[in-house]
């Protein structure tokens, strides 16, 4: 009945309001879904700013520990070629599971696979992408951290071409 009246958020999470770092965000639409996470475009309810909320649902204590490690790792990585983590929130359940929310900037240009497939990349652009990823990995390795899933889909492209393009490593789960 409540859902009919529009008072309950849909089961996929769209429309839900979450709090991260003292700010409220409404989950606007699903951008992507993976094995353990759902990526939402979210809007700050006060300013309207569009950002991303990554939701990781952990069903048990082991999964919760892995998800927490991902969040802690991401928070520790401050580098120009790593997608910045803007905030996080977590809620543990009595059954050992948990929900983790990570606030990220919205990058609308997609990932490197789509970019390279749709845009002829000149050798210099390829070198820039390679340098950005190598620099991000070096930053991680200096902290005794490994990515374990480096692929074109985990490199976001910030910008639509030209000299202003940045390549950002993401997904540390």
C-alpha atoms as a PDB file:
ATOM      1  CA  UNK A   1       0.000   0.000   0.000  1.00  0.00           C
ATOM      2  CA  UNK A   2       2.757   2.454   0.906  1.00  0.00           C
ATOM      3  CA  UNK A   3       4.491   1.817  -2.411  1.00  0.00           C
ATOM      4  CA  UNK A   4       1.258   2.606  -4.249  1.00  0.00           C
ATOM      5  CA  UNK A   5       1.095   5.946  -2.452  1.00  0.00           C
ATOM      6  CA  UNK A   6       4.691   6.682  -3.383  1.00  0.00           C
ATOM      7  CA  UNK A   7       5.900   6.604   0.209  1.00  0.00           C
ATOM      8  CA  UNK A   8       8.272   3.647  -0.164  1.00  0.00           C
ATOM      9  CA  UNK A   9      11.438   3.667  -2.235  1.00  0.00           C
ATOM     10  CA  UNK A  10      11.581   1.102  -5.062  1.00  0.00           C
ATOM     11  CA  UNK A  11      13.413  -2.111  -4.226  1.00  0.00           C
ATOM     12  CA  UNK A  12      16.294  -1.265  -6.584  1.00  0.00           C
ATOM     13  CA  UNK A  13      17.158   1.758  -4.420  1.00  0.00           C
ATOM     14  CA  UNK A  14      16.252   4.467  -6.934  1.00  0.00           C
ATOM     15  CA  UNK A  15      14.511   7.290  -5.078  1.00  0.00           C
ATOM     16  CA  UNK A  16      16.043   6.358  -1.725  1.00  0.00           C
ATOM     17  CA  UNK A  17      17.630   9.148   0.328  1.00  0.00           C
ATOM     18  CA  UNK A  18      21.011   8.359   1.920  1.00  0.00           C
ATOM     19  CA  UNK A  19      23.279  10.402   4.187  1.00  0.00           C
ATOM     20  CA  UNK A  20      27.023  10.492   3.546  1.00  0.00           C
ATOM     21  CA  UNK A  21      29.305  12.888   5.373  1.00  0.00           C
ATOM     22  CA  UNK A  22      26.393  14.895   6.742  1.00  0.00           C
ATOM     23  CA  UNK A  23      24.946  15.487   3.269  1.00  0.00           C
ATOM     24  CA  UNK A  24      21.719  13.990   1.943  1.00  0.00           C
ATOM     25  CA  UNK A  25      21.603  12.405  -1.493  1.00  0.00           C
ATOM     26  CA  UNK A  26      18.679  11.005  -3.436  1.00  0.00           C
ATOM     27  CA  UNK A  27      19.615   7.994  -5.558  1.00  0.00           C
ATOM     28  CA  UNK A  28      18.525   9.183  -8.990  1.00  0.00           C
ATOM     29  CA  UNK A  29      19.270   6.285 -11.382  1.00  0.00           C
ATOM     30  CA  UNK A  30      21.384   3.165 -11.677  1.00  0.00           C
ATOM     31  CA  UNK A  31      24.504   3.731 -13.780  1.00  0.00           C
ATOM     32  CA  UNK A  32      26.001   0.233 -13.458  1.00  0.00           C
ATOM     33  CA  UNK A  33      25.693  -2.992 -11.525  1.00  0.00           C
ATOM     34  CA  UNK A  34      28.389  -5.533 -10.840  1.00  0.00           C
ATOM     35  CA  UNK A  35      28.951  -8.652  -8.816  1.00  0.00           C
ATOM     36  CA  UNK A  36      29.003  -6.890  -5.465  1.00  0.00           C
ATOM     37  CA  UNK A  37      28.097  -3.264  -6.094  1.00  0.00           C
ATOM     38  CA  UNK A  38      25.491  -0.975  -7.590  1.00  0.00           C
ATOM     39  CA  UNK A  39      26.555   2.422  -8.909  1.00  0.00           C
ATOM     40  CA  UNK A  40      23.947   5.183  -8.679  1.00  0.00           C
ATOM     41  CA  UNK A  41      23.858   8.710 -10.003  1.00  0.00           C
ATOM     42  CA  UNK A  42      22.792  10.703  -6.961  1.00  0.00           C
ATOM     43  CA  UNK A  43      21.723  14.291  -6.382  1.00  0.00           C
ATOM     44  CA  UNK A  44      22.521  16.360  -3.312  1.00  0.00           C
ATOM     45  CA  UNK A  45      19.068  17.206  -1.961  1.00  0.00           C
ATOM     46  CA  UNK A  46      20.205  20.717  -0.942  1.00  0.00           C
ATOM     47  CA  UNK A  47      22.340  21.838  -3.900  1.00  0.00           C
ATOM     48  CA  UNK A  48      21.234  19.511  -6.699  1.00  0.00           C
ATOM     49  CA  UNK A  49      24.878  18.590  -7.378  1.00  0.00           C
ATOM     50  CA  UNK A  50      25.183  15.306  -9.284  1.00  0.00           C
ATOM     51  CA  UNK A  51      27.609  12.775  -7.835  1.00  0.00           C
ATOM     52  CA  UNK A  52      27.924   8.997  -7.691  1.00  0.00           C
ATOM     53  CA  UNK A  53      27.059   6.706  -4.807  1.00  0.00           C
ATOM     54  CA  UNK A  54      28.564   3.241  -4.927  1.00  0.00           C
ATOM     55  CA  UNK A  55      26.537   0.821  -2.818  1.00  0.00           C
ATOM     56  CA  UNK A  56      28.167  -2.403  -1.666  1.00  0.00           C
ATOM     57  CA  UNK A  57      25.902  -4.905   0.074  1.00  0.00           C
ATOM     58  CA  UNK A  58      27.741  -7.499   2.139  1.00  0.00           C
ATOM     59  CA  UNK A  59      25.685 -10.522   3.138  1.00  0.00           C
ATOM     60  CA  UNK A  60      27.982 -11.847   5.875  1.00  0.00           C
ATOM     61  CA  UNK A  61      30.915 -10.895   8.098  1.00  0.00           C
ATOM     62  CA  UNK A  62      33.557 -12.020   5.580  1.00  0.00           C
ATOM     63  CA  UNK A  63      32.015  -9.982   2.752  1.00  0.00           C
ATOM     64  CA  UNK A  64      31.630  -7.011   5.116  1.00  0.00           C
ATOM     65  CA  UNK A  65      35.343  -7.157   5.987  1.00  0.00           C
ATOM     66  CA  UNK A  66      36.291  -7.202   2.294  1.00  0.00           C
ATOM     67  CA  UNK A  67      33.969  -4.280   1.521  1.00  0.00           C
ATOM     68  CA  UNK A  68      35.302  -2.308   4.477  1.00  0.00           C
ATOM     69  CA  UNK A  69      38.866  -2.963   3.300  1.00  0.00           C
ATOM     70  CA  UNK A  70      37.924  -1.623  -0.156  1.00  0.00           C
ATOM     71  CA  UNK A  71      36.518   1.584   1.358  1.00  0.00           C
ATOM     72  CA  UNK A  72      39.512   2.101   3.681  1.00  0.00           C
ATOM     73  CA  UNK A  73      41.899   1.489   0.775  1.00  0.00           C
ATOM     74  CA  UNK A  74      40.087   3.975  -1.444  1.00  0.00           C
ATOM     75  CA  UNK A  75      40.040   6.625   1.292  1.00  0.00           C
ATOM     76  CA  UNK A  76      43.817   6.259   1.709  1.00  0.00           C
ATOM     77  CA  UNK A  77      44.546   6.871  -1.978  1.00  0.00           C
ATOM     78  CA  UNK A  78      45.038  10.525  -2.790  1.00  0.00           C
ATOM     79  CA  UNK A  79      46.491  10.789  -6.294  1.00  0.00           C
ATOM     80  CA  UNK A  80      45.663  12.784  -9.428  1.00  0.00           C
ATOM     81  CA  UNK A  81      45.109   9.582 -11.458  1.00  0.00           C
ATOM     82  CA  UNK A  82      42.869   7.837  -8.917  1.00  0.00           C
ATOM     83  CA  UNK A  83      39.148   8.553  -8.745  1.00  0.00           C
ATOM     84  CA  UNK A  84      38.780  10.493  -5.484  1.00  0.00           C
ATOM     85  CA  UNK A  85      36.643   9.158  -2.664  1.00  0.00           C
ATOM     86  CA  UNK A  86      34.573  12.091  -1.382  1.00  0.00           C
ATOM     87  CA  UNK A  87      33.015  10.346   1.607  1.00  0.00           C
ATOM     88  CA  UNK A  88      31.655   7.103   2.946  1.00  0.00           C
ATOM     89  CA  UNK A  89      29.017   5.677   5.222  1.00  0.00           C
ATOM     90  CA  UNK A  90      28.448   2.189   6.556  1.00  0.00           C
ATOM     91  CA  UNK A  91      25.737   0.403   8.444  1.00  0.00           C
ATOM     92  CA  UNK A  92      26.380  -2.978  10.060  1.00  0.00           C
ATOM     93  CA  UNK A  93      23.583  -5.443  10.613  1.00  0.00           C
ATOM     94  CA  UNK A  94      23.181  -7.863  13.515  1.00  0.00           C
ATOM     95  CA  UNK A  95      23.552 -10.848  11.159  1.00  0.00           C
ATOM     96  CA  UNK A  96      27.129  -9.796  10.299  1.00  0.00           C
ATOM     97  CA  UNK A  97      26.265  -8.255   6.960  1.00  0.00           C
ATOM     98  CA  UNK A  98      26.518  -4.579   6.094  1.00  0.00           C
ATOM     99  CA  UNK A  99      25.796  -1.838   3.584  1.00  0.00           C
ATOM    100  CA  UNK A 100      28.640   0.434   2.508  1.00  0.00           C
ATOM    101  CA  UNK A 101      28.111   3.666   0.581  1.00  0.00           C
ATOM    102  CA  UNK A 102      30.971   5.480  -1.148  1.00  0.00           C
ATOM    103  CA  UNK A 103      30.562   9.006  -2.542  1.00  0.00           C
ATOM    104  CA  UNK A 104      32.439   9.648  -5.785  1.00  0.00           C
ATOM    105  CA  UNK A 105      32.545  12.359  -8.451  1.00  0.00           C
ATOM    106  CA  UNK A 106      30.320  11.798 -11.482  1.00  0.00           C
ATOM    107  CA  UNK A 107      32.469  11.125 -14.551  1.00  0.00           C
ATOM    108  CA  UNK A 108      30.221  11.291 -17.606  1.00  0.00           C
ATOM    109  CA  UNK A 109      32.738  10.411 -20.322  1.00  0.00           C
ATOM    110  CA  UNK A 110      32.710   6.702 -19.463  1.00  0.00           C
ATOM    111  CA  UNK A 111      35.566   4.269 -19.207  1.00  0.00           C
ATOM    112  CA  UNK A 112      38.649   3.713 -21.344  1.00  0.00           C
ATOM    113  CA  UNK A 113      37.222   0.704 -23.210  1.00  0.00           C
ATOM    114  CA  UNK A 114      34.319   2.758 -24.596  1.00  0.00           C
ATOM    115  CA  UNK A 115      36.533   5.790 -25.189  1.00  0.00           C
ATOM    116  CA  UNK A 116      39.175   3.812 -27.111  1.00  0.00           C
ATOM    117  CA  UNK A 117      36.489   1.961 -29.080  1.00  0.00           C
ATOM    118  CA  UNK A 118      34.700   5.121 -30.192  1.00  0.00           C
ATOM    119  CA  UNK A 119      37.532   7.657 -30.492  1.00  0.00           C
ATOM    120  CA  UNK A 120      40.687   7.172 -32.537  1.00  0.00           C
ATOM    121  CA  UNK A 121      43.430   7.562 -29.945  1.00  0.00           C
ATOM    122  CA  UNK A 122      46.655   9.089 -31.144  1.00  0.00           C
ATOM    123  CA  UNK A 123      49.888   7.583 -29.799  1.00  0.00           C
ATOM    124  CA  UNK A 124      50.353  10.509 -27.382  1.00  0.00           C
ATOM    125  CA  UNK A 125      46.865   9.967 -25.903  1.00  0.00           C
ATOM    126  CA  UNK A 126      47.638   6.269 -25.439  1.00  0.00           C
ATOM    127  CA  UNK A 127      50.860   7.169 -23.672  1.00  0.00           C
ATOM    128  CA  UNK A 128      48.983   9.603 -21.422  1.00  0.00           C
ATOM    129  CA  UNK A 129      46.511   6.874 -20.458  1.00  0.00           C
ATOM    130  CA  UNK A 130      49.332   4.423 -19.805  1.00  0.00           C
ATOM    131  CA  UNK A 131      51.271   6.965 -17.744  1.00  0.00           C
ATOM    132  CA  UNK A 132      48.211   7.806 -15.647  1.00  0.00           C
ATOM    133  CA  UNK A 133      47.470   4.159 -14.864  1.00  0.00           C
ATOM    134  CA  UNK A 134      51.135   3.363 -14.182  1.00  0.00           C
ATOM    135  CA  UNK A 135      51.431   6.392 -11.903  1.00  0.00           C
ATOM    136  CA  UNK A 136      48.275   5.387  -9.991  1.00  0.00           C
ATOM    137  CA  UNK A 137      49.535   1.822  -9.590  1.00  0.00           C
ATOM    138  CA  UNK A 138      52.941   3.076  -8.454  1.00  0.00           C
ATOM    139  CA  UNK A 139      51.185   5.204  -5.834  1.00  0.00           C
ATOM    140  CA  UNK A 140      49.339   2.105  -4.612  1.00  0.00           C
ATOM    141  CA  UNK A 141      52.431  -0.090  -4.641  1.00  0.00           C
ATOM    142  CA  UNK A 142      54.363   2.457  -2.564  1.00  0.00           C
ATOM    143  CA  UNK A 143      51.676   1.826   0.085  1.00  0.00           C
ATOM    144  CA  UNK A 144      51.917  -1.976  -0.293  1.00  0.00           C
ATOM    145  CA  UNK A 145      48.529  -2.103  -2.003  1.00  0.00           C
ATOM    146  CA  UNK A 146      47.642  -3.999  -5.174  1.00  0.00           C
ATOM    147  CA  UNK A 147      44.681  -3.256  -7.453  1.00  0.00           C
ATOM    148  CA  UNK A 148      44.093  -6.862  -8.631  1.00  0.00           C
ATOM    149  CA  UNK A 149      41.612  -5.887 -11.381  1.00  0.00           C
ATOM    150  CA  UNK A 150      43.330  -3.494 -13.774  1.00  0.00           C
ATOM    151  CA  UNK A 151      41.358  -3.389 -17.013  1.00  0.00           C
ATOM    152  CA  UNK A 152      40.095  -0.749 -19.427  1.00  0.00           C
ATOM    153  CA  UNK A 153      36.665  -0.689 -17.736  1.00  0.00           C
ATOM    154  CA  UNK A 154      38.341   0.338 -14.442  1.00  0.00           C
ATOM    155  CA  UNK A 155      39.945   3.419 -15.966  1.00  0.00           C
ATOM    156  CA  UNK A 156      37.516   6.320 -16.245  1.00  0.00           C
ATOM    157  CA  UNK A 157      37.968   9.072 -18.832  1.00  0.00           C
ATOM    158  CA  UNK A 158      37.341  12.568 -17.482  1.00  0.00           C
ATOM    159  CA  UNK A 159      36.817  14.852 -20.472  1.00  0.00           C
ATOM    160  CA  UNK A 160      35.744  14.384 -24.067  1.00  0.00           C
ATOM    161  CA  UNK A 161      39.035  14.714 -25.864  1.00  0.00           C
ATOM    162  CA  UNK A 162      41.873  17.117 -26.384  1.00  0.00           C
ATOM    163  CA  UNK A 163      44.480  18.191 -23.862  1.00  0.00           C
ATOM    164  CA  UNK A 164      42.021  18.295 -20.930  1.00  0.00           C
ATOM    165  CA  UNK A 165      41.418  14.535 -20.747  1.00  0.00           C
ATOM    166  CA  UNK A 166      42.331  12.773 -17.504  1.00  0.00           C
ATOM    167  CA  UNK A 167      42.427   9.028 -16.908  1.00  0.00           C
ATOM    168  CA  UNK A 168      41.363   7.879 -13.436  1.00  0.00           C
ATOM    169  CA  UNK A 169      41.853   4.418 -11.965  1.00  0.00           C
ATOM    170  CA  UNK A 170      38.812   3.168 -10.013  1.00  0.00           C
ATOM    171  CA  UNK A 171      37.213   0.082  -8.449  1.00  0.00           C
ATOM    172  CA  UNK A 172      39.401  -1.108  -5.605  1.00  0.00           C
ATOM    173  CA  UNK A 173      37.245  -4.080  -4.592  1.00  0.00           C
END
